[in-house]
């Protein structure tokens, strides 16, 4: 076998077909993969995805940061920087982070690094089951015509951004579209204060959205 760096580069930049996900071998027997399969997503295993764990058909790559990674120390920070610097050309870089009772105390620092310092898209998930639901939603949304257009533009909304916003608790399709009329990116929505969100979605939903990106909301809200 002769190593060909061009072949590796081709895999790193490969986009899976509609309904499929590229995943690294370490995920083969994981609950996340089993859940994706149960949701009708087909998995193609590849070991040449760089630092990414998954490639999605909307030309985005995913790095998964587990609760153990967050709690263990600073190793994940170096990995995040390398992920940003070496990700496939033209891919949107997503970072899924397990936000649990154990890891929530570190979440503020994680968010600052991922969103503000590295300029990546961060989405907190409760675990692999929730992550698989989000990935499946993105995968199944690719290739379908999005009937919702911005009132101020004929450009179709990015299916990925729409899917991510709909994933926030208390935000359905209608509220997601309203939010994206005002905030054009996940970063802008993440940085929005509750007072900026309230006129669009109401006080309760505004608190849920802000809490989703910054800290856990109070129990029962």
Foldseek 3Di string as FASTA:
>chain_A
DDDDVVVLLCVLQDADDFLEKEFEPVCVPPPLVVLLVVLRRHYDYDNSNPQFGMHANLQATEHEAELCNQVVDCPVLVSLVVCLVDHRPPHAYEYEYACDPSRQVSQQVVLCSACVVSNHHYAYDNDSNLVSVLRSQLRNQPPDDDPDDAPVDRDRQRSNQQSRQCSQPPDHNVLSSQVCNPPVGNSSQQPDQLVVSCVRRHNVVSQSSNCRNRNPDDPPD
